[in-house]
Amino acid sequence: MHIRAAFDLLVRDLADAYQDLGEARSVARIAFEDLLGIRAPFPTIAFSSRQEAIFEDFHRRLLQGEPVQYVTGQAYFYGEKFDVSPAVLIPRPETEELTEWALEILNRQTAAGKAPCVLDIGAGSGCISIILKKKYPQAEVWAMDVSLPALETASRNAEAHQAAIGFKLADLLDASLWGELPEADLLVSNPPYIPETERQDLARRVLAFEPGLALFVPAEDPLRFYRAMGELAQQRLTENGSLLAECHYLFAGAVEELWKSQGFAFTELRKDLSGLERMVRASRVPFLP
């Protein structure tokens, strides 16, 4: 098979699954570039036998709905490449915005002469904590997750990025473990926040391949992780520290009210690039200007 013909075939086959020709073309291009090392414009020469075998494998996997990031084993976040697998969520653009806000907070803390301590709750691939450490190497950064495979992925990514991060295997919902966590100036998290009742609204490639443990919460208690974060912050957040989290746009206001009820006098909502309230910050003291 000729390379150009194979690329066009893959785009046509993916167009129905993605219901967007542009997205199908982008996925096909990523697969060709990352797995075959072939970049556009794609030539009309034949595959080698090895290339054809690789093409047949990722063609099959992509048509089965597997996300291209899991097929290639990598995803980009904040301009950096990270290893990913079905043990961790694929990083989203919204989480880049959360990370940008965290960087703003660290900038103010370091400008005040502080070497801050950060705890990333539910680290997944480690993308948040690694970016924070790379941008502010003077910060002490810790990452925790309830999933050992996720922490192993995060550890590999930290090593690849030469980011010195401490890792903790811990369940946020188990308060008996909180005493083992560091006292932090910034608690940051992208926790599970999709109610189980919204499963049917997600694409198959999300439901079938991404870890449900990192996605879903019981519909009857969608704020369970934010409640635990607020309680943890009462014990492990410094007096001038900030609690920062990504959340479901339908529950951002509820998260803010919850944290106020837990004793945080100062709160702030921030919208994502789509105009949806997606991030919440809280502190006991006024935010630095």
Protein backbone atom coordinates (compact mmCIF):
# COMPACT_ATOMS: atom_id res chain seq x y z
CA MET A 1 0.00 0.00 0.00
CA HIS A 2 1.20 3.51 -0.80
CA ILE A 3 1.71 5.84 2.15
CA ARG A 4 -0.57 8.57 0.81
CA ALA A 5 -3.34 6.09 0.05
CA ALA A 6 -3.03 4.61 3.55
CA PHE A 7 -3.32 8.05 5.14
CA ASP A 8 -6.42 8.90 3.08
CA LEU A 9 -7.95 5.52 3.98
CA LEU A 10 -7.39 6.12 7.69
CA VAL A 11 -8.94 9.59 7.51
CA ARG A 12 -12.02 8.22 5.74
CA ASP A 13 -12.39 5.39 8.24
CA LEU A 14 -12.04 7.74 11.22
CA ALA A 15 -14.37 10.41 9.89
CA ASP A 16 -17.50 8.56 11.01
CA ALA A 17 -16.11 7.75 14.45
CA TYR A 18 -15.05 11.32 15.14
CA GLN A 19 -17.90 12.94 13.19
CA ASP A 20 -15.46 15.66 12.25
CA LEU A 21 -13.22 15.39 9.21
CA GLY A 22 -10.72 17.88 10.61
CA GLU A 23 -10.32 15.92 13.85
CA ALA A 24 -10.05 12.65 11.92
CA ARG A 25 -7.28 14.13 9.78
CA SER A 26 -5.48 15.42 12.88
CA VAL A 27 -5.62 12.01 14.58
CA ALA A 28 -4.34 10.29 11.43
CA ARG A 29 -1.50 12.79 11.10
CA ILE A 30 -0.44 12.26 14.74
CA ALA A 31 -0.38 8.48 14.24
CA PHE A 32 1.69 8.74 11.07
CA GLU A 33 4.15 11.20 12.59
CA ASP A 34 4.59 9.57 16.00
CA LEU A 35 4.42 5.89 15.05
CA LEU A 36 5.85 5.88 11.53
CA GLY A 37 8.01 8.99 11.62
CA ILE A 38 6.38 10.17 8.38
CA ARG A 39 5.30 13.79 8.06
CA ALA A 40 3.09 15.57 5.55
CA PRO A 41 3.10 15.92 2.64
CA PHE A 42 2.74 12.15 2.53
CA PRO A 43 4.53 10.51 -0.41
CA THR A 44 3.03 8.11 -2.93
CA ILE A 45 5.73 5.49 -2.35
CA ALA A 46 4.97 2.08 -0.89
CA PHE A 47 5.29 1.18 2.80
CA SER A 48 8.11 -1.06 3.87
CA SER A 49 6.88 -4.35 5.36
CA ARG A 50 7.64 -3.06 8.86
CA GLN A 51 5.78 0.21 8.24
CA GLU A 52 2.78 -1.64 6.87
CA ALA A 53 2.61 -3.84 9.99
CA ILE A 54 2.71 -0.75 12.23
CA PHE A 55 0.02 0.92 10.12
CA GLU A 56 -2.26 -2.12 10.30
CA ASP A 57 -1.89 -2.22 14.09
CA PHE A 58 -2.72 1.42 14.77
CA HIS A 59 -5.41 1.44 12.06
CA ARG A 60 -7.17 -1.39 13.91
CA ARG A 61 -6.76 0.21 17.34
CA LEU A 62 -7.97 3.62 16.25
CA LEU A 63 -11.02 2.14 14.53
CA GLN A 64 -11.83 0.31 17.77
CA GLY A 65 -12.06 3.71 19.41
CA GLU A 66 -8.80 3.76 21.31
CA PRO A 67 -7.62 7.36 21.80
CA VAL A 68 -4.65 8.23 19.64
CA GLN A 69 -2.73 9.33 22.76
CA TYR A 70 -2.91 5.80 24.16
CA VAL A 71 -2.00 4.31 20.79
CA THR A 72 1.11 6.49 20.55
CA GLY A 73 1.73 6.35 24.30
CA GLN A 74 2.18 10.09 24.60
CA ALA A 75 0.29 13.35 24.94
CA TYR A 76 1.26 17.00 25.00
CA PHE A 77 0.50 19.27 27.93
CA TYR A 78 1.63 22.87 28.36
CA GLY A 79 3.98 22.40 25.42
CA GLU A 80 5.68 19.34 26.93
CA LYS A 81 5.44 15.64 26.04
CA PHE A 82 4.19 13.15 28.63
CA ASP A 83 3.88 9.39 28.61
CA VAL A 84 0.26 8.28 29.01
CA SER A 85 -1.53 4.95 29.25
CA PRO A 86 -5.01 3.77 30.22
CA ALA A 87 -3.80 4.04 33.85
CA VAL A 88 -4.06 7.84 33.62
CA LEU A 89 -6.35 10.43 32.09
CA ILE A 90 -5.29 12.09 28.87
CA PRO A 91 -4.44 15.71 29.82
CA ARG A 92 -7.07 18.24 28.75
CA PRO A 93 -6.78 21.91 27.73
CA GLU A 94 -8.91 22.90 30.75
CA THR A 95 -6.24 21.48 33.04
CA GLU A 96 -3.63 23.61 31.30
CA GLU A 97 -5.70 26.61 32.41
CA LEU A 98 -5.73 25.29 35.98
CA THR A 99 -1.96 24.90 35.78
CA GLU A 100 -1.62 28.46 34.49
CA TRP A 101 -3.52 29.72 37.53
CA ALA A 102 -1.31 27.63 39.82
CA LEU A 103 1.76 29.20 38.20
CA GLU A 104 0.35 32.67 38.88
CA ILE A 105 -0.04 31.77 42.55
CA LEU A 106 3.50 30.38 42.75
CA ASN A 107 4.83 33.49 41.06
CA ARG A 108 3.34 35.67 43.81
CA GLN A 109 4.57 33.35 46.54
CA THR A 110 8.13 33.24 45.20
CA ALA A 111 8.12 37.01 44.59
CA ALA A 112 7.42 37.38 48.30
CA GLY A 113 10.65 35.49 48.98
CA LYS A 114 9.05 32.13 49.74
CA ALA A 115 10.16 28.71 48.53
CA PRO A 116 6.65 27.23 48.41
CA CYS A 117 5.55 23.66 48.96
CA VAL A 118 2.97 22.25 46.52
CA LEU A 119 0.80 19.16 46.83
CA ASP A 120 -0.85 17.86 43.63
CA ILE A 121 -3.84 15.75 44.67
CA GLY A 122 -4.76 13.02 42.17
CA ALA A 123 -1.61 13.45 40.10
CA GLY A 124 -2.41 11.05 37.25
CA SER A 125 0.33 11.40 34.64
CA GLY A 126 2.03 14.03 36.81
CA CYS A 127 1.52 16.75 34.22
CA ILE A 128 0.49 19.48 36.68
CA SER A 129 3.16 18.85 39.29
CA ILE A 130 5.92 18.42 36.69
CA ILE A 131 5.11 21.70 34.93
CA LEU A 132 5.00 23.52 38.28
CA LYS A 133 8.36 22.08 39.29
CA LYS A 134 9.97 22.89 35.93
CA LYS A 135 8.74 26.48 36.06
CA TYR A 136 9.62 26.93 39.74
CA PRO A 137 12.50 24.57 40.54
CA GLN A 138 12.91 26.18 43.98
CA ALA A 139 9.47 24.87 44.98
CA GLU A 140 9.09 21.62 46.89
CA VAL A 141 6.54 19.61 44.91
CA TRP A 142 4.67 16.50 45.99
CA ALA A 143 2.19 14.42 43.98
CA MET A 144 -0.29 11.94 45.43
CA ASP A 145 -2.65 9.45 43.86
CA VAL A 146 -4.73 6.48 44.97
CA SER A 147 -3.56 4.48 41.92
CA LEU A 148 -0.14 2.85 41.97
CA PRO A 149 -0.03 2.48 38.15
CA ALA A 150 -0.79 6.20 37.85
CA LEU A 151 2.02 7.09 40.25
CA GLU A 152 4.39 4.83 38.32
CA THR A 153 3.50 6.72 35.14
CA ALA A 154 3.96 10.07 36.89
CA SER A 155 7.32 8.93 38.27
CA ARG A 156 8.55 7.97 34.80
CA ASN A 157 7.44 11.33 33.46
CA ALA A 158 9.17 13.17 36.30
CA GLU A 159 12.39 11.29 35.58
CA ALA A 160 12.13 12.04 31.86
CA HIS A 161 11.65 15.74 32.62
CA GLN A 162 14.34 15.75 35.31
CA ALA A 163 11.80 17.10 37.80
CA ALA A 164 12.54 16.23 41.43
CA ILE A 165 9.09 15.41 42.81
CA GLY A 166 8.06 13.43 45.87
CA PHE A 167 5.34 10.82 45.37
CA LYS A 168 2.74 9.59 47.86
CA LEU A 169 0.41 6.62 47.37
CA ALA A 170 -2.65 7.79 49.28
CA ASP A 171 -6.42 8.05 49.09
CA LEU A 172 -7.70 11.59 49.63
CA LEU A 173 -10.86 10.13 51.15
CA ASP A 174 -8.90 8.33 53.88
CA ALA A 175 -8.32 11.00 56.51
CA SER A 176 -6.14 8.66 58.58
CA LEU A 177 -3.37 9.19 55.98
CA TRP A 178 -3.43 12.98 55.95
CA GLY A 179 -0.84 13.31 58.69
CA GLU A 180 1.72 11.73 56.34
CA LEU A 181 1.24 14.49 53.75
CA PRO A 182 3.43 17.61 53.70
CA GLU A 183 2.26 20.98 54.93
CA ALA A 184 1.67 22.87 51.69
CA ASP A 185 1.39 26.46 50.49
CA LEU A 186 -0.63 25.32 47.48
CA LEU A 187 -3.00 22.39 47.23
CA VAL A 188 -3.94 21.85 43.57
CA SER A 189 -6.17 19.18 42.10
CA ASN A 190 -8.08 17.99 39.07
CA PRO A 191 -10.22 15.43 40.92
CA PRO A 192 -12.95 13.13 39.62
CA TYR A 193 -16.06 15.27 39.16
CA ILE A 194 -18.35 13.76 36.51
CA PRO A 195 -21.57 12.37 38.06
CA GLU A 196 -22.25 8.75 37.20
CA THR A 197 -25.51 9.85 35.59
CA GLU A 198 -23.52 11.57 32.83
CA ARG A 199 -21.77 8.41 31.65
CA GLN A 200 -24.06 8.14 28.66
CA ASP A 201 -23.03 11.62 27.50
CA LEU A 202 -19.35 10.72 27.07
CA ALA A 203 -17.73 9.44 23.90
CA ARG A 204 -17.05 5.73 23.74
CA ARG A 205 -13.30 6.32 23.46
CA VAL A 206 -13.45 7.99 26.89
CA LEU A 207 -15.69 5.41 28.55
CA ALA A 208 -13.98 2.35 27.13
CA PHE A 209 -10.37 3.39 27.63
CA GLU A 210 -9.84 6.16 30.20
CA PRO A 211 -9.83 5.23 33.93
CA GLY A 212 -13.27 5.64 35.45
CA LEU A 213 -11.65 6.00 38.86
CA ALA A 214 -10.29 9.37 37.75
CA LEU A 215 -13.50 10.52 36.06
CA PHE A 216 -16.64 9.67 38.00
CA VAL A 217 -18.28 10.48 41.32
CA PRO A 218 -21.58 9.24 42.75
CA ALA A 219 -24.47 11.33 41.46
CA GLU A 220 -25.78 11.66 45.01
CA ASP A 221 -22.49 13.17 46.25
CA PRO A 222 -20.74 15.00 43.38
CA LEU A 223 -18.69 17.19 45.77
CA ARG A 224 -17.16 14.39 47.82
CA PHE A 225 -13.57 15.11 46.74
CA TYR A 226 -13.93 18.88 47.22
CA ARG A 227 -15.31 18.31 50.73
CA ALA A 228 -12.31 16.12 51.52
CA MET A 229 -9.93 18.70 50.01
CA GLY A 230 -11.40 21.41 52.20
CA GLU A 231 -11.02 19.25 55.30
CA LEU A 232 -7.46 18.30 54.33
CA ALA A 233 -6.63 21.96 53.82
CA GLN A 234 -7.70 22.73 57.38
CA GLN A 235 -4.92 20.41 58.52
CA ARG A 236 -2.16 20.69 55.90
CA LEU A 237 -2.51 24.08 54.19
CA THR A 238 -0.36 26.92 55.52
CA GLU A 239 -2.09 30.03 56.88
CA ASN A 240 -1.36 32.04 53.72
CA GLY A 241 -1.80 29.09 51.37
CA SER A 242 -4.29 28.52 48.56
CA LEU A 243 -6.57 25.63 47.65
CA LEU A 244 -7.11 25.37 43.89
CA ALA A 245 -9.15 22.88 41.87
CA GLU A 246 -10.73 22.17 38.52
CA CYS A 247 -14.41 21.30 38.69
CA HIS A 248 -17.57 20.52 36.74
CA TYR A 249 -18.98 23.75 35.32
CA LEU A 250 -22.39 22.92 36.80
CA PHE A 251 -20.95 22.64 40.31
CA ALA A 252 -18.37 25.43 40.45
CA GLY A 253 -20.64 27.68 42.51
CA ALA A 254 -21.48 24.80 44.83
CA VAL A 255 -17.78 24.08 45.38
CA GLU A 256 -17.19 27.73 46.22
CA GLU A 257 -20.05 27.74 48.75
CA LEU A 258 -18.82 24.47 50.25
CA TRP A 259 -15.35 25.86 50.84
CA LYS A 260 -16.80 29.02 52.36
CA SER A 261 -18.81 26.86 54.76
CA GLN A 262 -15.57 25.07 55.71
CA GLY A 263 -13.98 28.30 56.87
CA PHE A 264 -12.31 29.78 53.80
CA ALA A 265 -13.06 33.48 53.92
CA PHE A 266 -11.76 34.28 50.45
CA THR A 267 -12.83 32.45 47.30
CA GLU A 268 -12.65 33.05 43.57
CA LEU A 269 -14.18 31.43 40.49
CA ARG A 270 -12.47 31.48 37.13
CA LYS A 271 -13.90 30.66 33.72
CA ASP A 272 -12.19 28.52 31.11
CA LEU A 273 -11.61 29.62 27.53
CA SER A 274 -15.11 28.41 26.66
CA GLY A 275 -16.61 30.83 29.15
CA LEU A 276 -17.61 28.13 31.64
CA GLU A 277 -16.89 28.40 35.36
CA ARG A 278 -14.39 25.59 35.70
CA MET A 279 -11.89 26.50 38.45
CA VAL A 280 -12.21 27.49 42.11
CA ARG A 281 -9.66 28.95 44.52
CA ALA A 282 -9.94 29.41 48.26
CA SER A 283 -7.83 30.86 51.06
CA ARG A 284 -8.16 31.86 54.71
CA VAL A 285 -6.50 35.23 54.09
CA PRO A 286 -6.85 37.75 51.24
CA PHE A 287 -5.15 36.79 48.01
CA LEU A 288 -1.91 38.55 47.22
CA PRO A 289 -2.35 41.36 44.63
